[in-house]
N, C-alpha and C. Protein backbone atom coordinates (compact mmCIF):
# COMPACT_ATOMS: atom_id res chain seq x y z
N MET A 1 158.88 -72.60 50.11
CA MET A 1 157.71 -73.46 49.98
C MET A 1 157.58 -73.87 48.52
N SER A 2 157.34 -75.17 48.27
CA SER A 2 157.21 -75.66 46.90
C SER A 2 155.89 -75.17 46.31
N LYS A 3 155.86 -75.14 44.97
CA LYS A 3 154.66 -74.65 44.29
C LYS A 3 153.43 -75.50 44.61
N GLY A 4 153.61 -76.82 44.65
CA GLY A 4 152.50 -77.71 44.96
C GLY A 4 151.92 -77.45 46.34
N ARG A 5 152.81 -77.25 47.33
CA ARG A 5 152.35 -76.97 48.69
C ARG A 5 151.69 -75.61 48.77
N GLU A 6 152.23 -74.64 48.01
CA GLU A 6 151.66 -73.29 47.99
C GLU A 6 150.24 -73.32 47.45
N VAL A 7 150.01 -74.09 46.37
CA VAL A 7 148.68 -74.22 45.79
C VAL A 7 147.73 -74.82 46.83
N ALA A 8 148.19 -75.86 47.53
CA ALA A 8 147.34 -76.52 48.53
C ALA A 8 146.99 -75.57 49.66
N VAL A 9 147.95 -74.76 50.11
CA VAL A 9 147.70 -73.83 51.21
C VAL A 9 146.72 -72.75 50.79
N ASN A 10 146.86 -72.24 49.55
CA ASN A 10 145.98 -71.18 49.07
C ASN A 10 144.60 -71.67 48.64
N ASN A 11 144.43 -72.95 48.46
CA ASN A 11 143.16 -73.51 48.02
C ASN A 11 142.30 -73.84 49.24
N LYS A 12 141.23 -73.10 49.41
CA LYS A 12 140.34 -73.28 50.56
C LYS A 12 139.58 -74.60 50.50
N GLU A 13 139.42 -75.16 49.29
CA GLU A 13 138.68 -76.40 49.12
C GLU A 13 139.55 -77.63 49.38
N TYR A 14 140.85 -77.45 49.48
CA TYR A 14 141.78 -78.56 49.68
C TYR A 14 141.63 -79.10 51.10
N LYS A 15 141.23 -80.39 51.19
CA LYS A 15 141.06 -81.05 52.49
C LYS A 15 141.63 -82.45 52.37
N PHE A 16 142.87 -82.60 52.78
CA PHE A 16 143.57 -83.87 52.61
C PHE A 16 142.83 -85.00 53.31
N GLY A 17 142.41 -84.80 54.55
CA GLY A 17 141.72 -85.85 55.31
C GLY A 17 140.44 -86.30 54.63
N LEU A 18 139.68 -85.35 54.13
CA LEU A 18 138.44 -85.68 53.42
C LEU A 18 138.74 -86.46 52.15
N GLY A 19 139.81 -86.07 51.44
CA GLY A 19 140.20 -86.79 50.23
C GLY A 19 140.57 -88.23 50.51
N ILE A 20 141.33 -88.47 51.56
CA ILE A 20 141.70 -89.83 51.94
C ILE A 20 140.47 -90.63 52.34
N PHE A 21 139.57 -90.01 53.11
CA PHE A 21 138.33 -90.67 53.53
C PHE A 21 137.50 -91.08 52.31
N VAL A 22 137.32 -90.17 51.37
CA VAL A 22 136.53 -90.46 50.16
C VAL A 22 137.20 -91.57 49.35
N ALA A 23 138.53 -91.55 49.25
CA ALA A 23 139.25 -92.58 48.49
C ALA A 23 139.05 -93.96 49.12
N ILE A 24 139.11 -94.03 50.44
CA ILE A 24 138.94 -95.32 51.13
C ILE A 24 137.51 -95.82 50.98
N VAL A 25 136.54 -94.94 51.22
CA VAL A 25 135.13 -95.34 51.08
C VAL A 25 134.85 -95.76 49.64
N SER A 26 135.39 -95.04 48.66
CA SER A 26 135.19 -95.40 47.25
C SER A 26 135.77 -96.77 46.95
N GLY A 27 136.93 -97.06 47.50
CA GLY A 27 137.55 -98.37 47.29
C GLY A 27 136.71 -99.50 47.86
N VAL A 28 136.21 -99.28 49.07
CA VAL A 28 135.38 -100.31 49.72
C VAL A 28 134.07 -100.50 48.94
N LEU A 29 133.44 -99.40 48.56
CA LEU A 29 132.18 -99.51 47.82
C LEU A 29 132.38 -100.09 46.43
N SER A 30 133.54 -99.86 45.84
CA SER A 30 133.85 -100.48 44.55
C SER A 30 133.86 -101.99 44.68
N ALA A 31 134.41 -102.47 45.79
CA ALA A 31 134.42 -103.91 46.02
C ALA A 31 133.00 -104.45 46.14
N CYS A 32 132.08 -103.62 46.64
CA CYS A 32 130.68 -104.05 46.77
C CYS A 32 130.07 -104.37 45.41
N PHE A 33 130.50 -103.67 44.37
CA PHE A 33 130.02 -103.98 43.02
C PHE A 33 130.44 -105.40 42.64
N ALA A 34 131.67 -105.75 42.98
CA ALA A 34 132.15 -107.11 42.69
C ALA A 34 131.37 -108.13 43.51
N PHE A 35 131.04 -107.79 44.76
CA PHE A 35 130.23 -108.70 45.58
C PHE A 35 128.85 -108.88 44.95
N GLY A 36 128.31 -107.80 44.38
CA GLY A 36 127.02 -107.88 43.71
C GLY A 36 127.06 -108.81 42.50
N ILE A 37 128.14 -108.72 41.75
CA ILE A 37 128.30 -109.61 40.59
C ILE A 37 128.39 -111.06 41.07
N ASP A 38 129.14 -111.27 42.14
CA ASP A 38 129.28 -112.63 42.68
C ASP A 38 127.94 -113.15 43.21
N ALA A 39 127.21 -112.28 43.91
CA ALA A 39 125.90 -112.69 44.45
C ALA A 39 124.90 -112.95 43.32
N GLY A 40 125.08 -112.27 42.18
CA GLY A 40 124.19 -112.46 41.05
C GLY A 40 124.58 -113.63 40.16
N LYS A 41 125.54 -114.43 40.61
CA LYS A 41 126.00 -115.58 39.80
C LYS A 41 124.85 -116.53 39.48
N VAL A 42 123.86 -116.61 40.38
CA VAL A 42 122.69 -117.46 40.13
C VAL A 42 121.96 -116.98 38.88
N MET A 43 121.81 -115.65 38.76
CA MET A 43 121.16 -115.08 37.57
C MET A 43 122.00 -115.36 36.33
N ALA A 44 123.32 -115.20 36.45
CA ALA A 44 124.21 -115.45 35.31
C ALA A 44 124.14 -116.91 34.88
N ASN A 45 124.12 -117.82 35.86
CA ASN A 45 124.03 -119.24 35.54
C ASN A 45 122.71 -119.59 34.86
N GLU A 46 121.63 -118.93 35.31
CA GLU A 46 120.31 -119.14 34.70
C GLU A 46 120.32 -118.65 33.25
N ALA A 47 120.91 -117.47 33.03
CA ALA A 47 121.00 -116.94 31.67
C ALA A 47 121.84 -117.86 30.79
N ASN A 48 122.93 -118.37 31.36
CA ASN A 48 123.80 -119.27 30.61
C ASN A 48 123.06 -120.57 30.27
N GLY A 49 122.31 -121.12 31.24
CA GLY A 49 121.55 -122.34 30.99
C GLY A 49 120.49 -122.16 29.92
N THR A 50 119.81 -121.00 29.97
CA THR A 50 118.79 -120.69 28.97
C THR A 50 119.43 -120.56 27.58
N TRP A 51 120.57 -119.89 27.51
CA TRP A 51 121.29 -119.74 26.25
C TRP A 51 121.66 -121.10 25.67
N LYS A 52 122.18 -121.97 26.53
CA LYS A 52 122.61 -123.29 26.06
C LYS A 52 121.43 -124.12 25.57
N ALA A 53 120.28 -123.96 26.24
CA ALA A 53 119.09 -124.71 25.83
C ALA A 53 118.58 -124.24 24.46
N ILE A 54 118.65 -122.94 24.23
CA ILE A 54 118.17 -122.38 22.96
C ILE A 54 119.20 -122.58 21.85
N HIS A 55 120.49 -122.54 22.20
CA HIS A 55 121.58 -122.65 21.22
C HIS A 55 122.48 -123.84 21.57
N PRO A 56 121.99 -125.05 21.40
CA PRO A 56 122.83 -126.21 21.77
C PRO A 56 124.12 -126.27 20.95
N GLY A 57 125.20 -126.58 21.64
CA GLY A 57 126.50 -126.70 20.98
C GLY A 57 127.20 -125.39 20.71
N SER A 58 126.62 -124.27 21.18
CA SER A 58 127.23 -122.95 20.93
C SER A 58 128.17 -122.51 22.05
N GLY A 59 128.34 -123.33 23.05
CA GLY A 59 129.26 -122.97 24.15
C GLY A 59 128.60 -122.09 25.20
N GLU A 60 129.46 -121.43 25.97
CA GLU A 60 128.97 -120.58 27.07
C GLU A 60 128.41 -119.26 26.52
N PHE A 61 127.44 -118.72 27.25
CA PHE A 61 126.82 -117.44 26.88
C PHE A 61 127.77 -116.31 27.25
N LEU A 62 128.26 -115.58 26.27
CA LEU A 62 129.25 -114.54 26.46
C LEU A 62 128.76 -113.42 27.38
N PHE A 63 127.46 -113.13 27.35
CA PHE A 63 126.91 -112.00 28.11
C PHE A 63 126.25 -112.43 29.42
N GLN A 64 126.54 -113.62 29.90
CA GLN A 64 125.87 -114.14 31.09
C GLN A 64 126.04 -113.24 32.32
N ASN A 65 127.21 -112.68 32.53
CA ASN A 65 127.43 -111.83 33.71
C ASN A 65 126.74 -110.48 33.60
N ASN A 66 126.50 -110.03 32.39
CA ASN A 66 125.88 -108.72 32.19
C ASN A 66 124.43 -108.69 32.65
N VAL A 67 123.81 -109.85 32.78
CA VAL A 67 122.42 -109.93 33.24
C VAL A 67 122.29 -109.35 34.65
N THR A 68 123.31 -109.53 35.48
CA THR A 68 123.25 -109.07 36.87
C THR A 68 123.25 -107.55 36.98
N TYR A 69 123.73 -106.84 35.96
CA TYR A 69 123.81 -105.38 36.04
C TYR A 69 122.44 -104.72 36.14
N VAL A 70 121.43 -105.38 35.59
CA VAL A 70 120.07 -104.84 35.68
C VAL A 70 119.70 -104.61 37.14
N VAL A 71 120.10 -105.52 38.01
CA VAL A 71 119.80 -105.39 39.44
C VAL A 71 120.83 -104.52 40.14
N ILE A 72 122.11 -104.78 39.92
CA ILE A 72 123.17 -104.08 40.63
C ILE A 72 123.14 -102.58 40.40
N LEU A 73 122.95 -102.16 39.15
CA LEU A 73 123.03 -100.74 38.83
C LEU A 73 121.86 -99.92 39.35
N TRP A 74 120.78 -100.57 39.77
CA TRP A 74 119.68 -99.83 40.39
C TRP A 74 120.15 -99.14 41.66
N GLY A 75 121.04 -99.79 42.40
CA GLY A 75 121.58 -99.18 43.63
C GLY A 75 122.36 -97.92 43.32
N GLY A 76 123.22 -98.00 42.32
CA GLY A 76 124.00 -96.83 41.92
C GLY A 76 123.12 -95.71 41.39
N LEU A 77 122.13 -96.07 40.58
CA LEU A 77 121.21 -95.06 40.06
C LEU A 77 120.48 -94.36 41.19
N THR A 78 120.00 -95.14 42.15
CA THR A 78 119.23 -94.58 43.26
C THR A 78 120.07 -93.61 44.09
N THR A 79 121.26 -94.04 44.51
CA THR A 79 122.09 -93.17 45.35
C THR A 79 122.56 -91.94 44.59
N ASN A 80 122.96 -92.10 43.33
CA ASN A 80 123.40 -90.95 42.55
C ASN A 80 122.26 -89.97 42.29
N PHE A 81 121.07 -90.50 41.99
CA PHE A 81 119.92 -89.63 41.73
C PHE A 81 119.56 -88.83 42.98
N ILE A 82 119.49 -89.51 44.13
CA ILE A 82 119.14 -88.82 45.37
C ILE A 82 120.19 -87.75 45.70
N TRP A 83 121.48 -88.09 45.57
CA TRP A 83 122.53 -87.13 45.90
C TRP A 83 122.49 -85.93 44.95
N CYS A 84 122.29 -86.17 43.66
CA CYS A 84 122.24 -85.07 42.70
C CYS A 84 121.03 -84.17 42.96
N MET A 85 119.90 -84.77 43.28
CA MET A 85 118.71 -83.97 43.58
C MET A 85 118.92 -83.15 44.85
N PHE A 86 119.59 -83.73 45.84
CA PHE A 86 119.91 -83.00 47.07
C PHE A 86 120.81 -81.80 46.75
N LEU A 87 121.85 -82.02 45.94
CA LEU A 87 122.76 -80.92 45.58
C LEU A 87 122.03 -79.85 44.77
N ASN A 88 121.16 -80.27 43.84
CA ASN A 88 120.38 -79.30 43.07
C ASN A 88 119.51 -78.45 43.98
N MET A 89 118.91 -79.09 44.99
CA MET A 89 118.05 -78.37 45.91
C MET A 89 118.88 -77.42 46.78
N ARG A 90 119.99 -77.92 47.32
CA ARG A 90 120.83 -77.11 48.21
C ARG A 90 121.43 -75.92 47.47
N ASN A 91 121.89 -76.16 46.24
CA ASN A 91 122.55 -75.10 45.48
C ASN A 91 121.61 -74.31 44.58
N LYS A 92 120.32 -74.68 44.60
CA LYS A 92 119.31 -74.03 43.76
C LYS A 92 119.74 -74.02 42.29
N THR A 93 120.07 -75.21 41.78
CA THR A 93 120.59 -75.32 40.42
C THR A 93 119.71 -76.16 39.49
N PHE A 94 118.46 -76.38 39.86
CA PHE A 94 117.57 -77.14 38.98
C PHE A 94 117.42 -76.45 37.62
N GLY A 95 117.49 -75.13 37.60
CA GLY A 95 117.35 -74.38 36.35
C GLY A 95 118.49 -74.60 35.37
N ASP A 96 119.62 -75.13 35.85
CA ASP A 96 120.76 -75.35 34.96
C ASP A 96 120.47 -76.37 33.87
N TYR A 97 119.50 -77.25 34.09
CA TYR A 97 119.17 -78.27 33.09
C TYR A 97 118.55 -77.69 31.83
N THR A 98 117.98 -76.50 31.95
CA THR A 98 117.32 -75.87 30.81
C THR A 98 117.85 -74.46 30.53
N ASN A 99 118.96 -74.08 31.14
CA ASN A 99 119.52 -72.74 30.99
C ASN A 99 120.04 -72.54 29.57
N LYS A 100 119.40 -71.67 28.82
CA LYS A 100 119.75 -71.45 27.41
C LYS A 100 121.11 -70.76 27.25
N LYS A 101 121.65 -70.19 28.33
CA LYS A 101 122.95 -69.51 28.26
C LYS A 101 124.12 -70.51 28.31
N THR A 102 123.82 -71.77 28.51
CA THR A 102 124.87 -72.79 28.57
C THR A 102 124.76 -73.68 27.33
N PRO A 103 125.84 -74.35 26.98
CA PRO A 103 125.80 -75.25 25.80
C PRO A 103 125.08 -76.56 26.14
N LEU A 104 123.75 -76.51 26.20
CA LEU A 104 122.96 -77.65 26.65
C LEU A 104 123.18 -78.90 25.80
N LYS A 105 123.15 -78.75 24.48
CA LYS A 105 123.30 -79.93 23.61
C LYS A 105 124.65 -80.62 23.87
N ALA A 106 125.72 -79.83 23.94
CA ALA A 106 127.04 -80.40 24.19
C ALA A 106 127.10 -81.04 25.58
N ASN A 107 126.52 -80.36 26.57
CA ASN A 107 126.52 -80.91 27.93
C ASN A 107 125.80 -82.25 27.98
N TYR A 108 124.63 -82.33 27.36
CA TYR A 108 123.87 -83.58 27.37
C TYR A 108 124.58 -84.66 26.55
N LEU A 109 125.15 -84.26 25.42
CA LEU A 109 125.87 -85.22 24.58
C LEU A 109 127.06 -85.81 25.33
N PHE A 110 127.89 -84.95 25.94
CA PHE A 110 129.08 -85.45 26.63
C PHE A 110 128.71 -86.21 27.91
N SER A 111 127.62 -85.83 28.56
CA SER A 111 127.15 -86.59 29.73
C SER A 111 126.73 -87.99 29.30
N ALA A 112 125.99 -88.08 28.19
CA ALA A 112 125.56 -89.39 27.68
C ALA A 112 126.76 -90.22 27.25
N LEU A 113 127.73 -89.58 26.62
CA LEU A 113 128.94 -90.27 26.18
C LEU A 113 129.74 -90.79 27.38
N ALA A 114 129.87 -89.96 28.42
CA ALA A 114 130.58 -90.38 29.63
C ALA A 114 129.86 -91.55 30.31
N GLY A 115 128.55 -91.47 30.41
CA GLY A 115 127.78 -92.55 31.02
C GLY A 115 127.87 -93.85 30.23
N THR A 116 127.80 -93.73 28.91
CA THR A 116 127.90 -94.91 28.05
C THR A 116 129.28 -95.54 28.17
N THR A 117 130.32 -94.71 28.14
CA THR A 117 131.69 -95.22 28.29
C THR A 117 131.86 -95.90 29.64
N TRP A 118 131.33 -95.28 30.69
CA TRP A 118 131.42 -95.85 32.04
C TRP A 118 130.74 -97.23 32.07
N PHE A 119 129.54 -97.33 31.47
CA PHE A 119 128.84 -98.61 31.47
C PHE A 119 129.58 -99.66 30.65
N LEU A 120 130.15 -99.25 29.52
CA LEU A 120 130.83 -100.21 28.65
C LEU A 120 132.00 -100.92 29.34
N GLN A 121 132.64 -100.24 30.32
CA GLN A 121 133.72 -100.93 31.03
C GLN A 121 133.18 -102.18 31.72
N PHE A 122 132.00 -102.08 32.31
CA PHE A 122 131.41 -103.22 32.99
C PHE A 122 130.85 -104.24 32.00
N PHE A 123 130.31 -103.73 30.90
CA PHE A 123 129.80 -104.61 29.86
C PHE A 123 130.91 -105.53 29.36
N PHE A 124 132.05 -104.93 29.01
CA PHE A 124 133.17 -105.73 28.50
C PHE A 124 133.83 -106.54 29.61
N TYR A 125 133.82 -105.99 30.83
CA TYR A 125 134.33 -106.78 31.96
C TYR A 125 133.51 -108.06 32.12
N GLY A 126 132.18 -107.93 32.05
CA GLY A 126 131.30 -109.10 32.18
C GLY A 126 131.56 -110.14 31.11
N MET A 127 131.82 -109.67 29.89
CA MET A 127 132.14 -110.59 28.80
C MET A 127 133.46 -111.32 29.09
N GLY A 128 134.47 -110.56 29.51
CA GLY A 128 135.77 -111.16 29.79
C GLY A 128 135.72 -112.14 30.95
N GLU A 129 135.00 -111.76 32.00
CA GLU A 129 134.92 -112.63 33.17
C GLU A 129 134.17 -113.91 32.86
N SER A 130 133.20 -113.83 31.95
CA SER A 130 132.47 -115.05 31.58
C SER A 130 133.39 -116.04 30.87
N ARG A 131 134.44 -115.54 30.23
CA ARG A 131 135.41 -116.42 29.58
C ARG A 131 136.52 -116.86 30.55
N LEU A 132 136.98 -115.92 31.38
CA LEU A 132 138.06 -116.25 32.32
C LEU A 132 137.55 -117.07 33.49
N GLY A 133 136.39 -116.68 34.02
CA GLY A 133 135.78 -117.42 35.12
C GLY A 133 136.58 -117.42 36.41
N ASN A 134 137.32 -116.34 36.68
CA ASN A 134 138.09 -116.34 37.93
C ASN A 134 137.60 -115.31 38.94
N GLY A 135 136.33 -114.92 38.86
CA GLY A 135 135.64 -114.14 39.88
C GLY A 135 136.36 -112.91 40.37
N ALA A 136 136.68 -112.89 41.66
CA ALA A 136 137.26 -111.70 42.30
C ALA A 136 138.58 -111.29 41.67
N SER A 137 139.34 -112.24 41.19
CA SER A 137 140.62 -111.91 40.55
C SER A 137 140.39 -111.04 39.31
N SER A 138 139.35 -111.33 38.57
CA SER A 138 139.03 -110.51 37.39
C SER A 138 138.71 -109.09 37.81
N TRP A 139 137.96 -108.94 38.91
CA TRP A 139 137.60 -107.61 39.39
C TRP A 139 138.83 -106.84 39.83
N ILE A 140 139.73 -107.51 40.54
CA ILE A 140 140.96 -106.86 40.99
C ILE A 140 141.76 -106.36 39.79
N LEU A 141 141.90 -107.19 38.78
CA LEU A 141 142.64 -106.80 37.58
C LEU A 141 141.94 -105.66 36.84
N HIS A 142 140.63 -105.71 36.77
CA HIS A 142 139.84 -104.67 36.12
C HIS A 142 140.09 -103.32 36.78
N MET A 143 139.95 -103.25 38.10
CA MET A 143 140.14 -102.00 38.83
C MET A 143 141.59 -101.53 38.76
N ALA A 144 142.54 -102.47 38.86
CA ALA A 144 143.96 -102.10 38.81
C ALA A 144 144.29 -101.45 37.47
N PHE A 145 143.78 -102.02 36.38
CA PHE A 145 144.11 -101.46 35.06
C PHE A 145 143.42 -100.13 34.83
N ILE A 146 142.25 -99.90 35.41
CA ILE A 146 141.62 -98.58 35.31
C ILE A 146 142.53 -97.54 35.94
N ILE A 147 143.04 -97.85 37.12
CA ILE A 147 143.91 -96.91 37.84
C ILE A 147 145.22 -96.72 37.08
N LEU A 148 145.80 -97.81 36.61
CA LEU A 148 147.08 -97.72 35.89
C LEU A 148 146.96 -96.89 34.61
N ILE A 149 145.91 -97.15 33.83
CA ILE A 149 145.74 -96.43 32.57
C ILE A 149 145.46 -94.95 32.83
N ALA A 150 144.62 -94.65 33.83
CA ALA A 150 144.33 -93.25 34.15
C ALA A 150 145.59 -92.51 34.58
N ASN A 151 146.40 -93.16 35.41
CA ASN A 151 147.64 -92.51 35.86
C ASN A 151 148.65 -92.40 34.73
N MET A 152 148.69 -93.39 33.85
CA MET A 152 149.60 -93.32 32.70
C MET A 152 149.26 -92.09 31.85
N TRP A 153 147.96 -91.91 31.55
CA TRP A 153 147.56 -90.74 30.77
C TRP A 153 147.84 -89.45 31.54
N GLY A 154 147.65 -89.49 32.85
CA GLY A 154 147.96 -88.31 33.67
C GLY A 154 149.43 -87.92 33.57
N LEU A 155 150.30 -88.92 33.59
CA LEU A 155 151.74 -88.64 33.47
C LEU A 155 152.10 -88.18 32.06
N ILE A 156 151.50 -88.82 31.04
CA ILE A 156 151.78 -88.43 29.65
C ILE A 156 151.33 -86.99 29.38
N TYR A 157 150.13 -86.64 29.87
CA TYR A 157 149.61 -85.30 29.62
C TYR A 157 150.02 -84.29 30.69
N LYS A 158 150.95 -84.68 31.54
CA LYS A 158 151.56 -83.79 32.54
C LYS A 158 150.55 -83.19 33.52
N GLU A 159 149.54 -83.99 33.91
CA GLU A 159 148.59 -83.54 34.92
C GLU A 159 149.28 -83.31 36.27
N TRP A 160 150.40 -83.98 36.45
CA TRP A 160 151.11 -83.89 37.73
C TRP A 160 152.17 -82.79 37.70
N LYS A 161 152.19 -82.01 36.63
CA LYS A 161 153.18 -80.94 36.50
C LYS A 161 153.01 -79.95 37.66
N GLY A 162 154.12 -79.58 38.27
CA GLY A 162 154.08 -78.58 39.33
C GLY A 162 153.89 -79.15 40.72
N ILE A 163 153.75 -80.47 40.83
CA ILE A 163 153.61 -81.03 42.18
C ILE A 163 154.98 -81.26 42.79
N SER A 164 154.99 -81.46 44.08
CA SER A 164 156.27 -81.67 44.76
C SER A 164 156.86 -83.02 44.38
N ARG A 165 158.17 -83.15 44.58
CA ARG A 165 158.85 -84.41 44.30
C ARG A 165 158.27 -85.53 45.17
N LYS A 166 157.95 -85.19 46.41
CA LYS A 166 157.38 -86.19 47.34
C LYS A 166 156.05 -86.73 46.80
N ALA A 167 155.22 -85.84 46.27
CA ALA A 167 153.93 -86.27 45.72
C ALA A 167 154.13 -87.16 44.50
N LEU A 168 155.09 -86.80 43.64
CA LEU A 168 155.37 -87.61 42.45
C LEU A 168 155.89 -88.98 42.84
N VAL A 169 156.76 -89.04 43.84
CA VAL A 169 157.27 -90.33 44.32
C VAL A 169 156.12 -91.17 44.87
N THR A 170 155.17 -90.52 45.57
CA THR A 170 154.01 -91.24 46.11
C THR A 170 153.17 -91.82 44.98
N VAL A 171 152.94 -91.05 43.92
CA VAL A 171 152.18 -91.54 42.77
C VAL A 171 152.88 -92.74 42.14
N ILE A 172 154.18 -92.62 41.92
CA ILE A 172 154.94 -93.71 41.29
C ILE A 172 154.97 -94.94 42.19
N ALA A 173 155.10 -94.73 43.51
CA ALA A 173 155.07 -95.87 44.46
C ALA A 173 153.71 -96.55 44.42
N GLY A 174 152.63 -95.76 44.30
CA GLY A 174 151.29 -96.34 44.19
C GLY A 174 151.13 -97.17 42.94
N ILE A 175 151.65 -96.66 41.82
CA ILE A 175 151.59 -97.40 40.56
C ILE A 175 152.38 -98.71 40.68
N ALA A 176 153.58 -98.62 41.29
CA ALA A 176 154.41 -99.82 41.46
C ALA A 176 153.69 -100.84 42.36
N THR A 177 153.02 -100.37 43.40
CA THR A 177 152.28 -101.26 44.30
C THR A 177 151.17 -101.99 43.54
N ILE A 178 150.46 -101.27 42.69
CA ILE A 178 149.39 -101.88 41.90
C ILE A 178 149.96 -102.93 40.94
N ILE A 179 151.06 -102.61 40.29
CA ILE A 179 151.67 -103.58 39.37
C ILE A 179 152.10 -104.83 40.12
N ILE A 180 152.69 -104.65 41.29
CA ILE A 180 153.10 -105.81 42.11
C ILE A 180 151.88 -106.63 42.52
N SER A 181 150.78 -105.95 42.89
CA SER A 181 149.57 -106.67 43.29
C SER A 181 149.00 -107.48 42.13
N VAL A 182 149.05 -106.91 40.91
CA VAL A 182 148.58 -107.64 39.73
C VAL A 182 149.42 -108.90 39.51
N LEU A 183 150.73 -108.77 39.68
CA LEU A 183 151.62 -109.93 39.53
C LEU A 183 151.33 -110.98 40.59
N ILE A 184 151.06 -110.55 41.82
CA ILE A 184 150.75 -111.50 42.90
C ILE A 184 149.44 -112.22 42.61
N VAL A 185 148.42 -111.47 42.17
CA VAL A 185 147.12 -112.09 41.84
C VAL A 185 147.31 -113.09 40.70
N GLY A 186 148.07 -112.69 39.67
CA GLY A 186 148.32 -113.59 38.54
C GLY A 186 149.04 -114.85 38.99
N TYR A 187 150.04 -114.70 39.83
CA TYR A 187 150.78 -115.87 40.34
C TYR A 187 149.86 -116.74 41.18
N GLY A 188 149.06 -116.11 42.04
CA GLY A 188 148.12 -116.86 42.88
C GLY A 188 147.14 -117.68 42.05
N ASN A 189 146.65 -117.08 40.96
CA ASN A 189 145.74 -117.82 40.08
C ASN A 189 146.44 -118.97 39.37
N SER A 190 147.73 -118.81 39.08
CA SER A 190 148.46 -119.85 38.36
C SER A 190 148.75 -121.07 39.25
N ILE A 191 148.78 -120.88 40.59
CA ILE A 191 149.10 -122.02 41.48
C ILE A 191 147.88 -122.57 42.20
N LYS A 192 146.70 -121.93 42.03
CA LYS A 192 145.54 -122.44 42.77
C LYS A 192 145.15 -123.81 42.26
N LEU A 193 144.65 -124.60 43.18
CA LEU A 193 144.34 -126.00 42.84
C LEU A 193 143.03 -126.11 42.12
């Protein structure tokens, strides 16, 4: 038995079916964020029009798409807050927020840093999309590069060390599929009328 398979068998928390289900649901819900940006185009256009009226001759408003995040992110905040409160209640962990035996300052600092970094990806995405103006294609490229960069760092830092050859081939095939999809999207954008 390979080491990777042995780890999976001995790990009681390992649930392949659940992992695939969560990955699929996450992918679909990620697309919903892009649908929200598209649905908020009216808000972005209004922000852009207001910018142009106040700053004539200054071109397009770079932050026009970021206006929609005020509305879109309320959904994420609501679901994450409810889920975290449910887990705190179920696991009786509300006291962890003030537990002096833990490195509270570091925990809060790194949580804030992670949240800020997470938001900045969308902030800069909104700026880029306002210049590119290719809607869903921008979102596809954004998500593809997040996955590619994360996997690149995973391979560089040997996160996949000890896995089976089959698993490594699957990871590399997934990366190749994403690269091919990026090329197809790019080609499709270059020939659209």
